[in-house]
Amino acid sequence: MKINPVLANLGTYPIALVQERARAMRAAGERLVDFSIGDPREPTPPFIREALRDAVPEVSQYPTTRGLLALRRTVADYVRRRFGVEVDPERQVLATTGSKEAIFSTPLAFVARDEVIVCPSPGYPIYARGGALAGGRIHEVVLSGDFVFRAEMVPDGVWEQARIVWTCSPHNPSGSVMSRADIAAVYERCRETDTLYCADECYVDLYEDEPPPSLIQVAGSGMEGALVYLSLSKRSGMTGYRSAAVVGDPEAIDALAALRSSTGTAPPEFTQAAAIAAWSDDEHVEERRRIFAAKRAVLRRVFEDLGMDVVASEAGLYLWVRVGDDLAVTERLLSDGVVVSPGRAFGPGGEGFIRLALVPGVEECVEAAEVVRRCLTRS
């Protein structure tokens, strides 16, 4: 059977290879503590679940493309509380079925064949995968050092050709955070070159000290040439609900809405009701931050005791550890029942690191830390 050659060249989603081995071990009855996929196991708060149950209709009908106005108003309220910026819920907010599908499909609305899409590496593979399947040419900015994306890392010639620039802060996989000045510098270059700035900020509410800054604060209320992708997956423990929102330039939002009217990817209205409850409340997010901070502290301590550098990892959901041979360490830990992701799975620049997603419970993290200590101290 003939398939799209771009899809064939992309191959298997990188983390799937680790998961296949882990599934086989589970099937054989082995106990694993899995840090490979960013799918936290803390229960979704009861008030969110209740909102969903109460909204399931007797008669099911198609949802609107842009999402319920009540939800878009709630997202705009959240944006005002969190970032101090007013956006128009009718023209600047779009409800989506999770941030992954929205990120993947965005290039279809803006990129012509062979136009350039800039994205960080190591990074979330969907930026490059969605761009490539839309017919774009991918330019990866290889991060190192503090793993922060900066405007000067993109060559002038690439800037002149770029149609979209993706950033992620807090960053997946490293947990680094762009400063407001870093975001502003990228935004300025985007405006100079008529490049759409797409900021993946799905971890922006997961932090320990100061709240990470946002492109929303830099671009201001009009958000000219800017799109920001926000998600309830980690913020509210709603990964399975597939609930997110895009906030940004009204013309760009119109383009995404036009695309999505063809793809039929509007979120169900009962999950939108749950999203209204989640975006309206900040207390449950504070509790989740405390839990993730406790996990990070346990795991950071064991790697630092072993003399391994925990790099970046300021915020978000991940621990990024320099280990030398990332494939060998991943295999060694997996053999002892701890599942992590090799850094190279996230692209060039990830070699020599492993990523741990802070998804197991605190007690499991304590258990896993002892396994890591024993495993990596053996000769």
Protein backbone atom coordinates (compact mmCIF):
# COMPACT_ATOMS: atom_id res chain seq x y z
CA MET A 1 0.00 0.00 0.00
CA LYS A 2 1.28 3.48 -0.84
CA ILE A 3 1.43 5.95 2.02
CA ASN A 4 2.60 9.54 2.31
CA PRO A 5 6.41 9.30 1.99
CA VAL A 6 6.79 12.02 4.63
CA LEU A 7 4.93 9.83 7.12
CA ALA A 8 7.08 6.85 6.18
CA ASN A 9 10.26 8.87 6.70
CA LEU A 10 9.15 10.07 10.12
CA GLY A 11 9.14 6.52 11.44
CA THR A 12 7.85 5.47 14.85
CA TYR A 13 7.12 8.12 17.47
CA PRO A 14 10.36 8.02 19.50
CA ILE A 15 8.99 7.33 22.97
CA ALA A 16 6.90 4.46 21.57
CA LEU A 17 10.03 2.31 21.32
CA VAL A 18 10.68 2.57 25.06
CA GLN A 19 7.00 1.95 25.76
CA GLU A 20 6.96 -1.24 23.67
CA ARG A 21 9.75 -2.74 25.75
CA ALA A 22 8.08 -1.60 28.97
CA ARG A 23 4.77 -3.20 27.94
CA ALA A 24 6.51 -6.48 27.26
CA MET A 25 8.10 -6.42 30.70
CA ARG A 26 4.75 -5.67 32.36
CA ALA A 27 3.14 -8.52 30.43
CA ALA A 28 5.84 -10.78 31.87
CA GLY A 29 4.81 -9.74 35.38
CA GLU A 30 7.68 -7.34 36.12
CA ARG A 31 6.99 -4.27 38.27
CA LEU A 32 7.95 -0.96 36.66
CA VAL A 33 8.01 2.65 37.77
CA ASP A 34 7.40 4.59 34.59
CA PHE A 35 8.80 8.10 34.09
CA SER A 36 8.69 7.99 30.29
CA ILE A 37 5.33 9.56 29.37
CA GLY A 38 4.06 12.89 30.71
CA ASP A 39 0.76 11.52 32.01
CA PRO A 40 0.47 12.33 35.75
CA ARG A 41 -1.44 9.88 37.92
CA GLU A 42 -2.92 12.21 40.51
CA PRO A 43 -6.73 12.07 40.37
CA THR A 44 -8.54 14.74 38.40
CA PRO A 45 -10.16 17.00 41.03
CA PRO A 46 -13.73 15.87 41.88
CA PHE A 47 -15.36 19.18 40.94
CA ILE A 48 -14.03 18.83 37.38
CA ARG A 49 -15.31 15.27 37.05
CA GLU A 50 -18.70 16.34 38.40
CA ALA A 51 -18.92 19.19 35.91
CA LEU A 52 -18.34 16.74 33.06
CA ARG A 53 -20.89 14.22 34.32
CA ASP A 54 -23.53 16.91 34.82
CA ALA A 55 -23.02 18.17 31.26
CA VAL A 56 -23.47 14.87 29.40
CA PRO A 57 -26.63 15.52 27.36
CA GLU A 58 -29.55 13.24 26.72
CA VAL A 59 -29.31 14.07 23.02
CA SER A 60 -25.80 14.32 21.57
CA GLN A 61 -25.16 17.00 18.93
CA TYR A 62 -22.13 18.35 17.12
CA PRO A 63 -20.10 20.98 19.01
CA THR A 64 -19.31 24.36 17.48
CA THR A 65 -15.89 24.82 15.88
CA ARG A 66 -14.68 27.66 18.10
CA GLY A 67 -16.03 26.19 21.33
CA LEU A 68 -18.67 27.41 23.74
CA LEU A 69 -18.58 31.15 24.31
CA ALA A 70 -18.84 30.43 28.05
CA LEU A 71 -15.58 28.47 27.84
CA ARG A 72 -13.83 31.12 25.78
CA ARG A 73 -14.88 33.76 28.30
CA THR A 74 -13.54 31.59 31.11
CA VAL A 75 -10.20 31.21 29.32
CA ALA A 76 -10.07 35.00 28.82
CA ASP A 77 -10.74 35.43 32.55
CA TYR A 78 -7.88 33.04 33.32
CA VAL A 79 -5.56 34.98 30.98
CA ARG A 80 -6.42 38.21 32.80
CA ARG A 81 -5.81 36.65 36.23
CA ARG A 82 -2.61 34.82 35.30
CA PHE A 83 -0.96 37.25 32.88
CA GLY A 84 -2.68 40.59 33.49
CA VAL A 85 -3.74 40.88 29.83
CA GLU A 86 -7.22 41.39 28.38
CA VAL A 87 -8.12 39.31 25.32
CA ASP A 88 -11.39 39.17 23.38
CA PRO A 89 -13.06 35.80 24.05
CA GLU A 90 -15.09 36.02 20.84
CA ARG A 91 -12.19 36.66 18.47
CA GLN A 92 -8.99 35.65 20.28
CA VAL A 93 -9.77 32.31 21.97
CA LEU A 94 -10.27 28.92 20.33
CA ALA A 95 -11.13 25.70 22.20
CA THR A 96 -9.22 22.61 21.04
CA THR A 97 -9.15 18.89 21.70
CA GLY A 98 -5.87 19.04 23.57
CA SER A 99 -2.80 21.04 22.61
CA LYS A 100 -1.11 18.22 20.67
CA GLU A 101 -3.62 18.10 17.82
CA ALA A 102 -3.78 21.89 17.66
CA ILE A 103 0.02 22.16 17.45
CA PHE A 104 0.17 19.40 14.85
CA SER A 105 -2.47 20.96 12.60
CA THR A 106 -1.43 24.63 12.89
CA PRO A 107 1.01 24.52 9.92
CA LEU A 108 -1.84 23.36 7.68
CA ALA A 109 -3.42 26.78 8.12
CA PHE A 110 -0.32 28.91 7.56
CA VAL A 111 2.47 27.07 5.74
CA ALA A 112 2.79 26.62 1.98
CA ARG A 113 4.95 23.85 0.54
CA ASP A 114 8.66 24.27 1.31
CA GLU A 115 8.18 27.26 3.62
CA VAL A 116 10.37 27.11 6.74
CA ILE A 117 9.24 26.14 10.22
CA VAL A 118 11.69 26.76 13.07
CA CYS A 119 11.54 24.64 16.21
CA PRO A 120 13.81 23.75 19.14
CA SER A 121 15.75 20.50 19.44
CA PRO A 122 15.64 18.60 21.66
CA GLY A 123 11.95 19.31 21.73
CA TYR A 124 8.42 18.07 21.44
CA PRO A 125 8.49 16.00 18.21
CA ILE A 126 5.07 17.24 17.10
CA TYR A 127 6.39 20.66 15.98
CA ALA A 128 8.55 19.03 13.31
CA ARG A 129 6.14 16.20 12.50
CA GLY A 130 3.16 18.47 11.93
CA GLY A 131 5.28 20.89 9.92
CA ALA A 132 6.76 18.18 7.73
CA LEU A 133 3.38 16.60 6.96
CA ALA A 134 2.08 20.07 6.03
CA GLY A 135 4.85 20.24 3.43
CA GLY A 136 7.11 22.63 5.30
CA ARG A 137 10.89 22.54 5.64
CA ILE A 138 12.04 22.11 9.22
CA HIS A 139 14.93 24.10 10.69
CA GLU A 140 15.87 22.73 14.10
CA VAL A 141 17.60 25.05 16.55
CA VAL A 142 19.85 22.76 18.58
CA LEU A 143 19.81 23.78 22.23
CA SER A 144 22.61 23.20 24.72
CA GLY A 145 23.99 24.74 27.89
CA ASP A 146 20.93 26.10 29.69
CA PHE A 147 18.59 24.76 26.95
CA VAL A 148 16.92 28.15 26.45
CA PHE A 149 15.81 29.12 22.92
CA ARG A 150 17.12 32.58 21.92
CA ALA A 151 16.51 34.69 18.83
CA GLU A 152 20.19 34.86 17.89
CA MET A 153 20.32 31.06 17.56
CA VAL A 154 18.34 31.37 14.31
CA PRO A 155 20.55 32.48 11.37
CA ASP A 156 19.48 35.68 9.59
CA GLY A 157 18.88 33.77 6.37
CA VAL A 158 16.51 31.38 8.14
CA TRP A 159 14.65 34.26 9.76
CA GLU A 160 14.01 35.71 6.32
CA GLN A 161 12.44 32.44 5.16
CA ALA A 162 10.62 31.42 8.34
CA ARG A 163 6.84 31.19 8.34
CA ILE A 164 6.42 29.82 11.87
CA VAL A 165 8.71 29.80 14.89
CA TRP A 166 7.86 27.42 17.73
CA THR A 167 9.09 27.83 21.29
CA CYS A 168 8.20 25.87 24.41
CA SER A 169 8.56 27.40 27.86
CA PRO A 170 8.73 25.77 30.34
CA HIS A 171 10.55 23.53 27.92
CA ASN A 172 9.88 19.89 27.16
CA PRO A 173 12.14 17.94 27.70
CA SER A 174 14.53 20.06 29.80
CA GLY A 175 12.28 22.20 32.02
CA SER A 176 14.17 25.39 31.12
CA VAL A 177 12.31 28.72 31.23
CA MET A 178 12.66 31.57 28.77
CA SER A 179 12.97 34.99 30.39
CA ARG A 180 10.63 37.77 29.37
CA ALA A 181 13.58 39.38 27.56
CA ASP A 182 14.23 36.15 25.63
CA ILE A 183 10.57 35.94 24.59
CA ALA A 184 10.54 39.62 23.62
CA ALA A 185 13.65 39.21 21.45
CA VAL A 186 12.10 36.30 19.55
CA TYR A 187 8.84 38.20 19.17
CA GLU A 188 10.64 41.28 17.83
CA ARG A 189 12.43 39.22 15.18
CA CYS A 190 9.14 37.56 14.25
CA ARG A 191 7.49 40.94 13.71
CA GLU A 192 10.46 42.17 11.67
CA THR A 193 10.27 39.14 9.36
CA ASP A 194 6.47 38.64 9.32
CA THR A 195 6.89 35.27 11.02
CA LEU A 196 4.08 33.76 13.09
CA TYR A 197 5.27 33.17 16.67
CA CYS A 198 3.67 30.03 18.12
CA ALA A 199 4.39 29.49 21.82
CA ASP A 200 3.66 26.13 23.44
CA GLU A 201 2.95 27.09 27.06
CA CYS A 202 1.15 23.97 28.23
CA TYR A 203 3.38 23.82 31.36
CA VAL A 204 3.21 27.52 32.23
CA ASP A 205 1.34 26.88 35.51
CA LEU A 206 3.79 24.23 36.75
CA TYR A 207 6.57 26.00 38.61
CA GLU A 208 8.16 26.19 42.06
CA ASP A 209 9.32 29.79 42.50
CA GLU A 210 8.34 32.65 40.19
CA PRO A 211 5.62 32.07 37.59
CA PRO A 212 7.16 31.71 34.11
CA PRO A 213 6.52 34.66 31.78
CA SER A 214 4.33 34.28 28.71
CA LEU A 215 4.27 35.49 25.13
CA ILE A 216 0.81 36.84 26.03
CA GLN A 217 2.46 39.38 28.33
CA VAL A 218 4.98 40.38 25.67
CA ALA A 219 2.56 40.60 22.72
CA GLY A 220 -0.14 42.41 24.71
CA SER A 221 -3.90 42.45 24.18
CA GLY A 222 -3.85 42.54 20.38
CA MET A 223 -1.36 39.64 20.21
CA GLU A 224 -0.37 40.57 16.66
CA GLY A 225 1.39 37.68 14.94
CA ALA A 226 1.27 35.51 18.07
CA LEU A 227 -0.48 32.29 19.08
CA VAL A 228 -0.20 30.75 22.55
CA TYR A 229 -1.19 27.15 23.26
CA LEU A 230 -2.54 26.48 26.76
CA SER A 231 -3.57 23.12 28.16
CA LEU A 232 -5.43 21.59 31.09
CA SER A 233 -3.62 18.25 30.77
CA LYS A 234 -0.94 18.88 33.39
CA ARG A 235 -2.40 22.01 35.01
CA SER A 236 -5.56 20.16 36.09
CA GLY A 237 -4.82 16.46 35.60
CA MET A 238 -7.00 16.24 32.49
CA THR A 239 -4.78 14.44 29.97
CA GLY A 240 -7.56 12.05 28.97
CA TYR A 241 -10.07 14.87 28.52
CA ARG A 242 -8.06 16.33 25.62
CA SER A 243 -8.87 19.90 26.57
CA ALA A 244 -6.86 22.96 25.62
CA ALA A 245 -7.15 26.43 24.11
CA VAL A 246 -5.31 28.68 21.67
CA VAL A 247 -5.15 32.40 22.46
CA GLY A 248 -3.83 34.95 20.01
CA ASP A 249 -3.99 37.17 16.97
CA PRO A 250 -7.65 37.42 15.83
CA GLU A 251 -6.77 36.85 12.15
CA ALA A 252 -4.71 33.79 13.02
CA ILE A 253 -7.52 32.45 15.21
CA ASP A 254 -9.91 32.95 12.28
CA ALA A 255 -7.57 30.92 10.06
CA LEU A 256 -7.38 28.08 12.58
CA ALA A 257 -11.17 28.11 12.96
CA ALA A 258 -11.58 27.92 9.17
CA LEU A 259 -9.22 24.92 9.06
CA ARG A 260 -10.95 23.19 11.93
CA SER A 261 -14.39 23.55 10.39
CA SER A 262 -13.07 21.12 7.75
CA THR A 263 -11.33 18.70 10.11
CA GLY A 264 -14.16 18.36 12.63
CA THR A 265 -11.86 18.48 15.65
CA ALA A 266 -14.01 20.62 17.96
CA PRO A 267 -14.03 19.33 21.56
CA PRO A 268 -17.24 17.75 22.91
CA GLU A 269 -19.35 20.19 24.91
CA PHE A 270 -19.35 18.03 28.04
CA THR A 271 -15.53 18.20 28.18
CA GLN A 272 -15.84 21.94 27.61
CA ALA A 273 -18.06 22.10 30.71
CA ALA A 274 -15.30 20.37 32.67
CA ALA A 275 -12.80 22.84 31.19
CA ILE A 276 -14.89 25.79 32.37
CA ALA A 277 -14.70 24.41 35.91
CA ALA A 278 -10.94 23.83 35.64
CA TRP A 279 -9.96 27.21 34.15
CA SER A 280 -12.13 28.94 36.76
CA ASP A 281 -10.22 27.55 39.73
CA ASP A 282 -6.59 28.15 40.74
CA GLU A 283 -6.45 26.42 44.14
CA HIS A 284 -6.25 22.88 42.76
CA VAL A 285 -3.31 23.97 40.60
CA GLU A 286 -1.40 25.18 43.64
CA GLU A 287 -1.85 21.74 45.21
CA ARG A 288 -0.55 20.05 42.05
CA ARG A 289 2.50 22.34 42.07
CA ARG A 290 3.33 21.23 45.62
CA ILE A 291 3.07 17.56 44.62
CA PHE A 292 5.31 17.97 41.56
CA ALA A 293 7.84 19.94 43.62
CA ALA A 294 8.03 17.08 46.14
CA LYS A 295 8.66 14.57 43.35
CA ARG A 296 11.31 16.77 41.74
CA ALA A 297 13.13 17.19 45.04
CA VAL A 298 13.29 13.41 45.66
CA LEU A 299 14.64 12.62 42.20
CA ARG A 300 16.97 15.61 41.96
CA ARG A 301 18.60 14.61 45.24
CA VAL A 302 19.49 11.10 44.13
CA PHE A 303 21.06 12.18 40.84
CA GLU A 304 23.02 14.97 42.51
CA ASP A 305 24.23 12.52 45.17
CA LEU A 306 25.51 10.36 42.29
CA GLY A 307 27.41 13.31 40.85
CA MET A 308 25.13 13.70 37.84
CA ASP A 309 24.09 17.17 36.70
CA VAL A 310 20.40 18.03 36.70
CA VAL A 311 20.33 20.62 33.92
CA ALA A 312 17.68 23.36 33.57
CA SER A 313 14.63 21.59 35.11
CA GLU A 314 13.37 24.83 36.69
CA ALA A 315 9.69 24.26 35.93
CA GLY A 316 7.29 22.10 33.98
CA LEU A 317 6.90 18.37 34.41
CA TYR A 318 10.38 16.98 33.73
CA LEU A 319 13.81 16.29 35.15
CA TRP A 320 16.65 16.54 32.57
CA VAL A 321 19.80 14.74 33.68
CA ARG A 322 23.24 14.57 32.06
CA VAL A 323 24.29 10.91 32.21
CA GLY A 324 26.85 10.32 29.47
CA ASP A 325 25.50 7.48 27.35
CA ASP A 326 21.74 8.06 27.43
CA LEU A 327 20.87 4.82 25.62
CA ALA A 328 22.99 2.69 27.93
CA VAL A 329 21.63 4.35 31.08
CA THR A 330 18.05 4.06 29.82
CA GLU A 331 18.55 0.35 29.17
CA ARG A 332 20.27 -0.20 32.50
CA LEU A 333 17.48 1.51 34.45
CA LEU A 334 14.79 -0.30 32.48
CA SER A 335 16.38 -3.64 33.31
CA ASP A 336 16.00 -2.69 36.99
CA GLY A 337 12.38 -1.60 36.57
CA VAL A 338 12.67 2.18 36.11
CA VAL A 339 11.45 3.53 32.76
CA VAL A 340 12.98 6.80 31.53
CA SER A 341 13.38 8.39 28.09
CA PRO A 342 16.75 8.72 26.35
CA GLY A 343 17.43 12.35 25.49
CA ARG A 344 18.17 11.64 21.84
CA ALA A 345 14.53 10.60 21.38
CA PHE A 346 13.72 14.33 21.47
CA GLY A 347 16.11 15.19 18.65
CA PRO A 348 19.66 16.49 18.15
CA GLY A 349 21.11 18.01 21.30
CA GLY A 350 19.44 15.45 23.54
CA GLU A 351 22.27 12.92 23.35
CA GLY A 352 23.85 12.28 26.72
CA PHE A 353 20.73 13.16 28.75
CA ILE A 354 17.74 11.28 30.11
CA ARG A 355 14.29 12.72 30.77
CA LEU A 356 12.13 11.74 33.72
CA ALA A 357 8.48 12.81 33.62
CA LEU A 358 7.24 13.48 37.15
CA VAL A 359 4.20 11.24 36.80
CA PRO A 360 4.46 8.45 39.42
CA GLY A 361 3.27 9.28 42.93
CA VAL A 362 5.64 10.67 45.55
CA GLU A 363 6.03 7.27 47.25
CA GLU A 364 6.84 5.63 43.92
CA CYS A 365 9.42 8.35 43.27
CA VAL A 366 11.07 7.53 46.61
CA GLU A 367 11.08 3.84 45.67
CA ALA A 368 12.48 4.58 42.22
CA ALA A 369 15.17 6.85 43.65
CA GLU A 370 16.59 3.95 45.63
CA VAL A 371 16.55 1.74 42.55
CA VAL A 372 18.38 4.47 40.59
CA ARG A 373 20.94 4.79 43.38
CA ARG A 374 21.65 1.05 43.43
CA CYS A 375 21.59 0.65 39.69
CA LEU A 376 23.90 3.53 38.80
CA THR A 377 26.40 2.87 41.58
CA ARG A 378 27.02 -0.73 40.55
CA SER A 379 30.26 -1.38 38.72
